[in-house]
Amino acid sequence: MLKVLTERTEIARARDRLRARGLSFVEPEAVRLGRRVARKLGLTRSVNVGDRLKSWDVLATIEFLERRLASGATVLDLGAFASEIVPALDRLGFRVSGVDLDPRLPDMPRGRGIQYEVGDFKHTTFPSDSFSAVTAISVIEHGYEPDALLAEVARLLKPGGVFVASFDYWPDHLDVGQVRPFNMSWLVFSRDDVADLITLAGVHGLRPVGALDTAAPRAAVNYAGLDYTFAWLALEKDDGKT
């Protein structure tokens, strides 16, 4: 399954839905600014969680996992620092873990039993076949290493488990030049990049859950002078029964 954000208004609608369900962790900008200042002064270690721009991705992931998994299922979030999906899924009763290179990761919300690992999500220490789902919200396009990523996701997922990822997208290739968010290489996925990802995923036993719709009638995002949008993809690990 692949779908594309087609209207910026979908972001606002998704945020409204998250608020209505008590799953919004994005605080007012004044509060976020105050926390950043307090952190610099050493007065707090708490983290600003979430990003309004990622509302569509977060809601799509939550609703998909609710349909697929039972409450209490194990989920690992890749690139978990400041990720809203972690406390949201914890609040819904999932058993959540998160991994990120950022050393501030342990300062994230703890919820009822969230586990954090500081490290490279392409090479984690979690046991094989230990998660019903792996999520990655706007993460894989930074420092993209598809073979290492998919090999680790396939190792971590239980048979029949799902990998859910959102990423920057535009059907045609976009040249990002020397722009390096987070001091990492950046890829705005094209239609061809998505096709290559899905082909390689198949090598690792990961298949699309449903239909793939790569159309993007208009850009919904602008960053670094580039117009593009977001895509959301769900892959399922072979269950070994065929």
C-alpha atoms as a PDB file:
ATOM      1  CA  MET A   1       0.000   0.000   0.000  1.00  0.00           C
ATOM      2  CA  LEU A   2       1.275   3.423  -0.927  1.00  0.00           C
ATOM      3  CA  LYS A   3      -0.624   6.679  -0.736  1.00  0.00           C
ATOM      4  CA  VAL A   4       0.362  10.297  -1.252  1.00  0.00           C
ATOM      5  CA  LEU A   5      -0.551  13.504   0.549  1.00  0.00           C
ATOM      6  CA  THR A   6      -2.453  15.462  -2.100  1.00  0.00           C
ATOM      7  CA  GLU A   7      -3.693  18.546  -0.226  1.00  0.00           C
ATOM      8  CA  ARG A   8      -2.071  20.552   2.561  1.00  0.00           C
ATOM      9  CA  THR A   9      -5.500  20.805   4.197  1.00  0.00           C
ATOM     10  CA  GLU A  10      -5.213  17.070   4.938  1.00  0.00           C
ATOM     11  CA  ILE A  11      -2.497  17.939   7.461  1.00  0.00           C
ATOM     12  CA  ALA A  12      -4.799  20.242   9.426  1.00  0.00           C
ATOM     13  CA  ARG A  13      -7.651  17.729   9.321  1.00  0.00           C
ATOM     14  CA  ALA A  14      -5.372  14.989  10.605  1.00  0.00           C
ATOM     15  CA  ARG A  15      -4.198  17.189  13.490  1.00  0.00           C
ATOM     16  CA  ASP A  16      -7.809  17.908  14.428  1.00  0.00           C
ATOM     17  CA  ARG A  17      -8.491  14.177  14.444  1.00  0.00           C
ATOM     18  CA  LEU A  18      -5.456  13.481  16.640  1.00  0.00           C
ATOM     19  CA  ARG A  19      -6.568  16.159  19.112  1.00  0.00           C
ATOM     20  CA  ALA A  20     -10.108  14.794  19.208  1.00  0.00           C
ATOM     21  CA  ARG A  21      -8.751  11.349  20.058  1.00  0.00           C
ATOM     22  CA  GLY A  22      -6.362  12.639  22.720  1.00  0.00           C
ATOM     23  CA  LEU A  23      -3.359  11.559  20.650  1.00  0.00           C
ATOM     24  CA  SER A  24      -1.833  14.963  19.855  1.00  0.00           C
ATOM     25  CA  PHE A  25       1.442  15.667  21.671  1.00  0.00           C
ATOM     26  CA  VAL A  26       2.384  18.852  19.798  1.00  0.00           C
ATOM     27  CA  GLU A  27       2.230  21.728  22.270  1.00  0.00           C
ATOM     28  CA  PRO A  28       1.711  25.444  21.475  1.00  0.00           C
ATOM     29  CA  GLU A  29       4.759  27.118  19.968  1.00  0.00           C
ATOM     30  CA  ALA A  30       5.249  29.359  23.020  1.00  0.00           C
ATOM     31  CA  VAL A  31       5.517  26.276  25.230  1.00  0.00           C
ATOM     32  CA  ARG A  32       7.925  24.603  22.820  1.00  0.00           C
ATOM     33  CA  LEU A  33      10.106  27.705  22.661  1.00  0.00           C
ATOM     34  CA  GLY A  34      10.158  27.970  26.444  1.00  0.00           C
ATOM     35  CA  ARG A  35      11.227  24.344  26.731  1.00  0.00           C
ATOM     36  CA  ARG A  36      14.049  24.852  24.228  1.00  0.00           C
ATOM     37  CA  VAL A  37      15.335  27.820  26.228  1.00  0.00           C
ATOM     38  CA  ALA A  38      15.005  25.949  29.522  1.00  0.00           C
ATOM     39  CA  ARG A  39      16.872  22.989  28.076  1.00  0.00           C
ATOM     40  CA  LYS A  40      19.747  25.198  26.914  1.00  0.00           C
ATOM     41  CA  LEU A  41      19.940  26.662  30.411  1.00  0.00           C
ATOM     42  CA  GLY A  42      20.015  23.187  31.941  1.00  0.00           C
ATOM     43  CA  LEU A  43      16.675  23.683  33.684  1.00  0.00           C
ATOM     44  CA  THR A  44      14.934  20.749  32.018  1.00  0.00           C
ATOM     45  CA  ARG A  45      15.718  17.671  29.962  1.00  0.00           C
ATOM     46  CA  SER A  46      12.236  17.267  28.469  1.00  0.00           C
ATOM     47  CA  VAL A  47      11.823  17.047  24.695  1.00  0.00           C
ATOM     48  CA  ASN A  48       9.516  18.868  22.282  1.00  0.00           C
ATOM     49  CA  VAL A  49       7.592  15.955  20.803  1.00  0.00           C
ATOM     50  CA  GLY A  50       5.953  15.918  17.393  1.00  0.00           C
ATOM     51  CA  ASP A  51       5.702  18.151  14.339  1.00  0.00           C
ATOM     52  CA  ARG A  52       2.417  19.554  13.006  1.00  0.00           C
ATOM     53  CA  LEU A  53       3.658  19.008   9.464  1.00  0.00           C
ATOM     54  CA  LYS A  54       3.753  15.252  10.152  1.00  0.00           C
ATOM     55  CA  SER A  55       0.114  15.039  11.293  1.00  0.00           C
ATOM     56  CA  TRP A  56      -1.043  13.220   8.149  1.00  0.00           C
ATOM     57  CA  ASP A  57       1.699  10.592   8.414  1.00  0.00           C
ATOM     58  CA  VAL A  58       1.153  10.009  12.123  1.00  0.00           C
ATOM     59  CA  LEU A  59      -2.613   9.604  11.831  1.00  0.00           C
ATOM     60  CA  ALA A  60      -2.324   7.286   8.821  1.00  0.00           C
ATOM     61  CA  THR A  61       0.109   5.088  10.739  1.00  0.00           C
ATOM     62  CA  ILE A  62      -2.008   4.972  13.899  1.00  0.00           C
ATOM     63  CA  GLU A  63      -5.196   4.064  12.054  1.00  0.00           C
ATOM     64  CA  PHE A  64      -3.454   1.416   9.965  1.00  0.00           C
ATOM     65  CA  LEU A  65      -1.884  -0.262  12.999  1.00  0.00           C
ATOM     66  CA  GLU A  66      -5.179  -0.178  14.880  1.00  0.00           C
ATOM     67  CA  ARG A  67      -6.779  -2.092  12.010  1.00  0.00           C
ATOM     68  CA  ARG A  68      -3.937  -4.609  11.748  1.00  0.00           C
ATOM     69  CA  LEU A  69      -2.798  -5.277  15.300  1.00  0.00           C
ATOM     70  CA  ALA A  70      -4.257  -6.171  18.656  1.00  0.00           C
ATOM     71  CA  SER A  71      -3.740  -3.864  21.623  1.00  0.00           C
ATOM     72  CA  GLY A  72      -0.516  -4.822  23.355  1.00  0.00           C
ATOM     73  CA  ALA A  73       1.298  -5.710  20.123  1.00  0.00           C
ATOM     74  CA  THR A  74       4.980  -4.818  19.966  1.00  0.00           C
ATOM     75  CA  VAL A  75       6.040  -1.838  17.820  1.00  0.00           C
ATOM     76  CA  LEU A  76       9.497  -0.393  17.158  1.00  0.00           C
ATOM     77  CA  ASP A  77       9.842   3.206  15.944  1.00  0.00           C
ATOM     78  CA  LEU A  78      12.932   4.059  13.890  1.00  0.00           C
ATOM     79  CA  GLY A  79      14.262   7.593  14.309  1.00  0.00           C
ATOM     80  CA  ALA A  80      12.314   7.890  17.545  1.00  0.00           C
ATOM     81  CA  PHE A  81      13.761  11.127  18.933  1.00  0.00           C
ATOM     82  CA  ALA A  82      10.923  13.702  19.108  1.00  0.00           C
ATOM     83  CA  SER A  83       8.652  11.198  17.339  1.00  0.00           C
ATOM     84  CA  GLU A  84       4.970  11.644  18.174  1.00  0.00           C
ATOM     85  CA  ILE A  85       4.107   8.118  17.131  1.00  0.00           C
ATOM     86  CA  VAL A  86       5.878   6.721  20.215  1.00  0.00           C
ATOM     87  CA  PRO A  87       3.703   8.287  22.969  1.00  0.00           C
ATOM     88  CA  ALA A  88       0.583   8.021  20.786  1.00  0.00           C
ATOM     89  CA  LEU A  89       0.924   4.261  20.316  1.00  0.00           C
ATOM     90  CA  ASP A  90       1.853   3.855  23.975  1.00  0.00           C
ATOM     91  CA  ARG A  91      -1.347   5.653  24.954  1.00  0.00           C
ATOM     92  CA  LEU A  92      -3.316   3.261  22.752  1.00  0.00           C
ATOM     93  CA  GLY A  93      -1.929   0.249  24.602  1.00  0.00           C
ATOM     94  CA  PHE A  94       0.799  -0.943  22.244  1.00  0.00           C
ATOM     95  CA  ARG A  95       4.172  -2.029  23.681  1.00  0.00           C
ATOM     96  CA  VAL A  96       6.501   0.497  22.114  1.00  0.00           C
ATOM     97  CA  SER A  97      10.269   0.702  21.687  1.00  0.00           C
ATOM     98  CA  GLY A  98      12.276   3.398  19.930  1.00  0.00           C
ATOM     99  CA  VAL A  99      15.765   3.668  18.459  1.00  0.00           C
ATOM    100  CA  ASP A 100      17.669   6.779  17.375  1.00  0.00           C
ATOM    101  CA  LEU A 101      21.250   8.023  17.146  1.00  0.00           C
ATOM    102  CA  ASP A 102      20.414  11.144  19.151  1.00  0.00           C
ATOM    103  CA  PRO A 103      21.875  10.813  22.676  1.00  0.00           C
ATOM    104  CA  ARG A 104      18.916  12.787  24.029  1.00  0.00           C
ATOM    105  CA  LEU A 105      16.584   9.896  23.201  1.00  0.00           C
ATOM    106  CA  PRO A 106      16.292   8.721  26.853  1.00  0.00           C
ATOM    107  CA  ASP A 107      14.722  12.111  27.679  1.00  0.00           C
ATOM    108  CA  MET A 108      11.688  11.252  25.565  1.00  0.00           C
ATOM    109  CA  PRO A 109       8.345  10.498  27.291  1.00  0.00           C
ATOM    110  CA  ARG A 110       8.406   7.221  29.184  1.00  0.00           C
ATOM    111  CA  GLY A 111       4.711   6.351  29.133  1.00  0.00           C
ATOM    112  CA  ARG A 112       3.824   2.996  30.659  1.00  0.00           C
ATOM    113  CA  GLY A 113       6.983   1.164  29.659  1.00  0.00           C
ATOM    114  CA  ILE A 114       8.507   2.546  26.471  1.00  0.00           C
ATOM    115  CA  GLN A 115      11.998   1.186  25.827  1.00  0.00           C
ATOM    116  CA  TYR A 116      14.639   3.306  24.105  1.00  0.00           C
ATOM    117  CA  GLU A 117      17.914   2.330  22.459  1.00  0.00           C
ATOM    118  CA  VAL A 118      20.470   4.919  21.385  1.00  0.00           C
ATOM    119  CA  GLY A 119      22.046   3.614  18.204  1.00  0.00           C
ATOM    120  CA  ASP A 120      21.841   3.132  14.450  1.00  0.00           C
ATOM    121  CA  PHE A 121      18.408   1.820  13.480  1.00  0.00           C
ATOM    122  CA  LYS A 122      19.997  -0.162  10.647  1.00  0.00           C
ATOM    123  CA  HIS A 123      21.960  -2.199  13.190  1.00  0.00           C
ATOM    124  CA  THR A 124      19.984  -2.615  16.413  1.00  0.00           C
ATOM    125  CA  THR A 125      20.451  -5.016  19.315  1.00  0.00           C
ATOM    126  CA  PHE A 126      16.787  -6.066  19.474  1.00  0.00           C
ATOM    127  CA  PRO A 127      16.137  -9.810  18.997  1.00  0.00           C
ATOM    128  CA  SER A 128      15.040 -11.136  15.625  1.00  0.00           C
ATOM    129  CA  ASP A 129      11.306 -11.669  15.004  1.00  0.00           C
ATOM    130  CA  SER A 130      10.424  -9.496  18.011  1.00  0.00           C
ATOM    131  CA  PHE A 131       8.064  -6.818  16.634  1.00  0.00           C
ATOM    132  CA  SER A 132       4.610  -6.923  15.085  1.00  0.00           C
ATOM    133  CA  ALA A 133       5.292  -3.565  13.423  1.00  0.00           C
ATOM    134  CA  VAL A 134       8.201  -1.255  12.662  1.00  0.00           C
ATOM    135  CA  THR A 135       7.454   2.406  11.966  1.00  0.00           C
ATOM    136  CA  ALA A 136       9.544   5.195  10.449  1.00  0.00           C
ATOM    137  CA  ILE A 137       7.926   8.631  10.212  1.00  0.00           C
ATOM    138  CA  SER A 138       9.832  10.892   7.821  1.00  0.00           C
ATOM    139  CA  VAL A 139      13.108   9.139   8.581  1.00  0.00           C
ATOM    140  CA  ILE A 140      14.363   6.820   5.839  1.00  0.00           C
ATOM    141  CA  GLU A 141      15.051   9.597   3.307  1.00  0.00           C
ATOM    142  CA  HIS A 142      17.893  10.887   5.507  1.00  0.00           C
ATOM    143  CA  GLY A 143      21.131   8.928   5.076  1.00  0.00           C
ATOM    144  CA  TYR A 144      19.204   6.447   2.921  1.00  0.00           C
ATOM    145  CA  GLU A 145      20.786   2.976   2.828  1.00  0.00           C
ATOM    146  CA  PRO A 146      18.007   0.775   1.474  1.00  0.00           C
ATOM    147  CA  ASP A 147      19.629  -2.655   1.658  1.00  0.00           C
ATOM    148  CA  ALA A 148      20.809  -2.242   5.263  1.00  0.00           C
ATOM    149  CA  LEU A 149      17.469  -0.705   6.263  1.00  0.00           C
ATOM    150  CA  LEU A 150      15.315  -3.427   4.747  1.00  0.00           C
ATOM    151  CA  ALA A 151      17.527  -6.247   5.965  1.00  0.00           C
ATOM    152  CA  GLU A 152      17.219  -4.993   9.550  1.00  0.00           C
ATOM    153  CA  VAL A 153      13.477  -4.386   9.285  1.00  0.00           C
ATOM    154  CA  ALA A 154      12.976  -7.895   7.915  1.00  0.00           C
ATOM    155  CA  ARG A 155      15.089  -9.333  10.736  1.00  0.00           C
ATOM    156  CA  LEU A 156      13.165  -7.486  13.430  1.00  0.00           C
ATOM    157  CA  LEU A 157       9.639  -8.195  12.202  1.00  0.00           C
ATOM    158  CA  LYS A 158       7.669 -11.239  13.184  1.00  0.00           C
ATOM    159  CA  PRO A 159       6.294 -13.244  10.239  1.00  0.00           C
ATOM    160  CA  GLY A 160       3.254 -11.337   9.017  1.00  0.00           C
ATOM    161  CA  GLY A 161       4.477  -8.140  10.697  1.00  0.00           C
ATOM    162  CA  VAL A 162       4.325  -4.778   8.939  1.00  0.00           C
ATOM    163  CA  PHE A 163       6.766  -1.999   8.141  1.00  0.00           C
ATOM    164  CA  VAL A 164       5.153   1.437   7.872  1.00  0.00           C
ATOM    165  CA  ALA A 165       7.164   4.392   6.594  1.00  0.00           C
ATOM    166  CA  SER A 166       6.488   7.925   5.420  1.00  0.00           C
ATOM    167  CA  PHE A 167       8.979   9.945   3.418  1.00  0.00           C
ATOM    168  CA  ASP A 168       9.463  13.009   1.232  1.00  0.00           C
ATOM    169  CA  TYR A 169       8.155  12.330  -2.275  1.00  0.00           C
ATOM    170  CA  TRP A 170       7.661  13.725  -5.745  1.00  0.00           C
ATOM    171  CA  PRO A 171       6.929  11.608  -8.840  1.00  0.00           C
ATOM    172  CA  ASP A 172       9.795  13.111 -10.840  1.00  0.00           C
ATOM    173  CA  HIS A 173      13.389  13.292  -9.641  1.00  0.00           C
ATOM    174  CA  LEU A 174      14.238  16.390  -7.594  1.00  0.00           C
ATOM    175  CA  ASP A 175      17.847  17.527  -7.248  1.00  0.00           C
ATOM    176  CA  VAL A 176      18.385  18.504  -3.596  1.00  0.00           C
ATOM    177  CA  GLY A 177      21.842  19.907  -4.332  1.00  0.00           C
ATOM    178  CA  GLN A 178      23.998  20.298  -1.226  1.00  0.00           C
ATOM    179  CA  VAL A 179      21.094  20.455   1.238  1.00  0.00           C
ATOM    180  CA  ARG A 180      21.798  18.073   4.147  1.00  0.00           C
ATOM    181  CA  PRO A 181      19.112  18.120   6.855  1.00  0.00           C
ATOM    182  CA  PHE A 182      20.431  16.699  10.142  1.00  0.00           C
ATOM    183  CA  ASN A 183      23.868  16.756   8.461  1.00  0.00           C
ATOM    184  CA  MET A 184      22.879  13.683   6.443  1.00  0.00           C
ATOM    185  CA  SER A 185      22.283  13.010   2.770  1.00  0.00           C
ATOM    186  CA  TRP A 186      18.688  13.684   1.701  1.00  0.00           C
ATOM    187  CA  LEU A 187      16.551  11.930  -0.894  1.00  0.00           C
ATOM    188  CA  VAL A 188      13.175  13.166  -2.081  1.00  0.00           C
ATOM    189  CA  PHE A 189      11.875   9.825  -3.337  1.00  0.00           C
ATOM    190  CA  SER A 190      10.762   9.756  -6.954  1.00  0.00           C
ATOM    191  CA  ARG A 191       8.360   7.251  -8.484  1.00  0.00           C
ATOM    192  CA  ASP A 192      11.401   5.293  -9.711  1.00  0.00           C
ATOM    193  CA  ASP A 193      12.980   5.368  -6.244  1.00  0.00           C
ATOM    194  CA  VAL A 194       9.791   3.924  -4.769  1.00  0.00           C
ATOM    195  CA  ALA A 195       9.756   1.173  -7.397  1.00  0.00           C
ATOM    196  CA  ASP A 196      13.380   0.325  -6.601  1.00  0.00           C
ATOM    197  CA  LEU A 197      12.592   0.265  -2.866  1.00  0.00           C
ATOM    198  CA  ILE A 198       9.687  -2.122  -3.362  1.00  0.00           C
ATOM    199  CA  THR A 199      11.760  -4.394  -5.599  1.00  0.00           C
ATOM    200  CA  LEU A 200      14.546  -4.570  -3.026  1.00  0.00           C
ATOM    201  CA  ALA A 201      12.005  -5.072  -0.236  1.00  0.00           C
ATOM    202  CA  GLY A 202      10.814  -8.182  -2.063  1.00  0.00           C
ATOM    203  CA  VAL A 203      14.336  -9.590  -1.916  1.00  0.00           C
ATOM    204  CA  HIS A 204      14.090  -9.303   1.868  1.00  0.00           C
ATOM    205  CA  GLY A 205      10.651 -10.915   2.026  1.00  0.00           C
ATOM    206  CA  LEU A 206       8.675  -7.679   2.380  1.00  0.00           C
ATOM    207  CA  ARG A 207       5.654  -7.102   0.131  1.00  0.00           C
ATOM    208  CA  PRO A 208       3.243  -4.163  -0.307  1.00  0.00           C
ATOM    209  CA  VAL A 209       0.101  -4.628   1.750  1.00  0.00           C
ATOM    210  CA  GLY A 210      -2.230  -3.177  -0.893  1.00  0.00           C
ATOM    211  CA  ALA A 211      -2.440  -0.966  -3.955  1.00  0.00           C
ATOM    212  CA  LEU A 212       0.274   1.530  -4.876  1.00  0.00           C
ATOM    213  CA  ASP A 213      -0.893   5.007  -5.870  1.00  0.00           C
ATOM    214  CA  THR A 214       2.096   7.171  -6.797  1.00  0.00           C
ATOM    215  CA  ALA A 215       0.142  10.079  -8.328  1.00  0.00           C
ATOM    216  CA  ALA A 216       0.824  13.525  -6.849  1.00  0.00           C
ATOM    217  CA  PRO A 217      -1.414  16.154  -8.472  1.00  0.00           C
ATOM    218  CA  ARG A 218       0.129  19.025  -6.501  1.00  0.00           C
ATOM    219  CA  ALA A 219       2.873  19.795  -4.010  1.00  0.00           C
ATOM    220  CA  ALA A 220       1.839  20.154  -0.372  1.00  0.00           C
ATOM    221  CA  VAL A 221       5.252  20.929   1.129  1.00  0.00           C
ATOM    222  CA  ASN A 222       8.018  23.455   0.449  1.00  0.00           C
ATOM    223  CA  TYR A 223      11.477  23.152   1.950  1.00  0.00           C
ATOM    224  CA  ALA A 224      14.869  24.494   0.829  1.00  0.00           C
ATOM    225  CA  GLY A 225      13.240  25.964  -2.269  1.00  0.00           C
ATOM    226  CA  LEU A 226      11.804  22.606  -3.366  1.00  0.00           C
ATOM    227  CA  ASP A 227       8.122  21.766  -3.793  1.00  0.00           C
ATOM    228  CA  TYR A 228       7.140  18.186  -3.037  1.00  0.00           C
ATOM    229  CA  THR A 229       4.814  16.162  -0.812  1.00  0.00           C
ATOM    230  CA  PHE A 230       4.786  13.135   1.502  1.00  0.00           C
ATOM    231  CA  ALA A 231       4.189   9.478   0.718  1.00  0.00           C
ATOM    232  CA  TRP A 232       3.149   6.699   3.088  1.00  0.00           C
ATOM    233  CA  LEU A 233       4.021   3.049   2.491  1.00  0.00           C
ATOM    234  CA  ALA A 234       3.091  -0.229   4.203  1.00  0.00           C
ATOM    235  CA  LEU A 235       4.963  -3.489   3.631  1.00  0.00           C
ATOM    236  CA  GLU A 236       4.266  -6.914   5.131  1.00  0.00           C
ATOM    237  CA  LYS A 237       6.823  -9.587   5.986  1.00  0.00           C
ATOM    238  CA  ASP A 238       6.176 -12.987   4.456  1.00  0.00           C
ATOM    239  CA  ASP A 239       4.500 -15.246   6.971  1.00  0.00           C
ATOM    240  CA  GLY A 240       6.418 -18.328   5.837  1.00  0.00           C
ATOM    241  CA  LYS A 241       3.245 -20.269   5.056  1.00  0.00           C
ATOM    242  CA  THR A 242       3.605 -20.250   1.267  1.00  0.00           C
END
